Amino acid sequence: MLFRVEADHPGHVGVVIDAGYDITRLAYVLRDLPAELLGRIRSDRVMRLPAPPRRCDPKGGRPPEHGGEFALADLATWPEPAVTTAPHPATTWARPSNAAVPSPPSPSFRRRAPSGVAEGLLSVSWSQHPRRCL
């Protein structure tokens, strides 16, 4: 399907997916296509860093395929960022010290269905959606 979209609309293709999909696997599979992926990753996900550079080991043996672990929940395993950005001074603003920081929603709130689902308002299939692209 991405090939059809790319043929009709040259350039980068944006793909937005939900947490039910394995975005890291899709990024690996689609690495040669001009596609930009946006999705969520579980906060307890553990990934592997790139393999260290090959070096001659007098003991022999196979070189490692992967580097160390990168656990999202453990800040000690995070590597140094490859790129860092800083906001432009003209666009920065300071939050007042007495500003309230909203608390994260409760777990029961996150498990609720979106409004309209229970009433049957979102029961229209995708093929009948008025803004369907393909």
Protein backbone atom coordinates (compact mmCIF):
# COMPACT_ATOMS: atom_id res chain seq x y z
CA MET A 1 0.00 0.00 0.00
CA LEU A 2 2.88 2.38 0.72
CA PHE A 3 4.15 1.84 -2.83
CA ARG A 4 0.75 2.98 -4.19
CA VAL A 5 0.72 6.05 -1.97
CA GLU A 6 4.30 6.91 -2.93
CA ALA A 7 3.47 6.55 -6.64
CA ASP A 8 0.47 8.89 -6.34
CA HIS A 9 2.14 11.38 -3.99
CA PRO A 10 5.93 11.54 -4.43
CA GLY A 11 7.99 12.40 -1.38
CA HIS A 12 7.93 11.24 2.19
CA VAL A 13 4.91 9.29 3.40
CA GLY A 14 3.74 9.89 6.97
CA VAL A 15 2.43 6.87 8.86
CA VAL A 16 0.75 7.28 12.26
CA ILE A 17 0.01 4.06 14.13
CA ASP A 18 -1.29 3.07 17.54
CA ALA A 19 0.49 1.13 20.26
CA GLY A 20 -0.99 -2.15 18.98
CA TYR A 21 1.63 -2.18 16.22
CA ASP A 22 5.33 -2.84 16.69
CA ILE A 23 6.69 0.48 15.43
CA THR A 24 10.31 -0.53 15.98
CA ARG A 25 9.85 -3.57 13.72
CA LEU A 26 8.05 -1.48 11.10
CA ALA A 27 10.87 1.08 11.18
CA TYR A 28 13.34 -1.72 10.48
CA VAL A 29 11.25 -3.25 7.69
CA LEU A 30 10.51 0.11 6.03
CA ARG A 31 14.01 1.54 6.45
CA ASP A 32 14.60 1.76 2.66
CA LEU A 33 11.31 3.53 1.90
CA PRO A 34 10.78 7.29 2.19
CA ALA A 35 8.35 6.88 5.10
CA GLU A 36 8.19 8.69 8.42
CA LEU A 37 6.66 6.68 11.27
CA LEU A 38 5.00 8.08 14.36
CA GLY A 39 3.75 5.81 17.11
CA ARG A 40 3.92 4.92 20.77
CA ILE A 41 6.38 2.58 22.44
CA ARG A 42 5.73 0.92 25.79
CA SER A 43 7.58 2.58 28.66
CA ASP A 44 9.10 -0.75 29.76
CA ARG A 45 10.48 -1.59 26.30
CA VAL A 46 14.07 -2.86 26.13
CA MET A 47 16.01 -2.44 22.88
CA ARG A 48 19.56 -3.23 21.85
CA LEU A 49 22.15 -0.62 20.94
CA PRO A 50 24.23 -0.93 17.75
CA ALA A 51 27.14 -3.35 17.80
CA PRO A 52 30.49 -1.92 18.87
CA PRO A 53 33.11 -1.51 16.15
CA ARG A 54 34.94 -4.69 15.17
CA ARG A 55 38.36 -5.18 16.63
CA CYS A 56 40.89 -7.94 16.33
CA ASP A 57 40.59 -10.29 19.29
CA PRO A 58 43.50 -12.70 19.77
CA LYS A 59 41.16 -15.21 21.44
CA GLY A 60 39.08 -15.39 18.26
CA GLY A 61 35.36 -15.88 18.33
CA ARG A 62 32.43 -14.30 16.66
CA PRO A 63 32.01 -10.51 16.97
CA PRO A 64 28.91 -9.31 18.85
CA GLU A 65 25.79 -8.68 16.80
CA HIS A 66 24.34 -6.13 19.22
CA GLY A 67 25.56 -3.65 21.75
CA GLY A 68 24.30 -3.15 25.28
CA GLU A 69 20.70 -2.97 26.39
CA PHE A 70 18.71 0.24 26.16
CA ALA A 71 15.85 0.04 28.68
CA LEU A 72 13.45 2.95 28.43
CA ALA A 73 12.52 2.62 32.11
CA ASP A 74 16.16 2.75 33.30
CA LEU A 75 17.89 6.09 32.68
CA ALA A 76 21.30 4.55 33.45
CA THR A 77 21.11 2.50 30.22
CA TRP A 78 20.33 5.46 27.97
CA PRO A 79 23.17 6.35 25.56
CA GLU A 80 24.32 9.89 24.93
CA PRO A 81 22.01 11.54 22.37
CA ALA A 82 23.37 11.66 18.83
CA VAL A 83 21.72 15.05 18.23
CA THR A 84 20.65 17.69 20.71
CA THR A 85 18.55 20.74 19.99
CA ALA A 86 18.01 23.96 21.86
CA PRO A 87 15.06 26.32 21.50
CA HIS A 88 15.63 29.69 19.94
CA PRO A 89 15.95 32.38 22.66
CA ALA A 90 13.18 34.45 21.09
CA THR A 91 10.68 31.59 21.39
CA THR A 92 11.41 30.49 24.96
CA TRP A 93 9.10 31.37 27.79
CA ALA A 94 9.30 30.84 31.50
CA ARG A 95 6.49 29.11 33.33
CA PRO A 96 5.46 31.01 36.46
CA SER A 97 6.63 29.31 39.64
CA ASN A 98 3.07 29.04 40.91
CA ALA A 99 1.72 27.39 37.73
CA ALA A 100 -0.05 24.13 38.33
CA VAL A 101 1.37 21.12 36.55
CA PRO A 102 -1.45 18.79 35.52
CA SER A 103 -1.26 15.32 37.01
CA PRO A 104 -1.37 12.31 34.70
CA PRO A 105 -4.80 10.76 34.24
CA SER A 106 -5.75 7.88 36.48
CA PRO A 107 -5.48 4.31 35.08
CA SER A 108 -9.27 3.99 35.04
CA PHE A 109 -9.49 7.11 32.85
CA ARG A 110 -7.03 5.69 30.30
CA ARG A 111 -9.00 2.45 29.95
CA ARG A 112 -12.27 4.17 29.06
CA ALA A 113 -13.52 3.97 25.51
CA PRO A 114 -13.56 7.26 23.59
CA SER A 115 -16.82 9.16 23.75
CA GLY A 116 -19.18 8.11 21.01
CA VAL A 117 -18.12 4.47 20.90
CA ALA A 118 -20.66 3.30 23.46
CA GLU A 119 -23.46 5.21 21.75
CA GLY A 120 -22.64 3.67 18.37
CA LEU A 121 -21.55 6.98 16.83
CA LEU A 122 -18.22 5.55 15.67
CA SER A 123 -19.60 2.33 14.25
CA VAL A 124 -19.25 3.50 10.62
CA SER A 125 -16.73 1.37 8.78
CA TRP A 126 -13.61 2.92 7.23
CA SER A 127 -14.84 2.25 3.68
CA GLN A 128 -17.84 4.52 4.39
CA HIS A 129 -15.78 7.32 5.96
CA PRO A 130 -16.28 10.62 4.06
CA ARG A 131 -12.57 11.60 4.16
CA ARG A 132 -11.15 8.24 3.07
CA CYS A 133 -7.98 8.73 0.97
CA LEU A 134 -7.58 5.31 -0.65
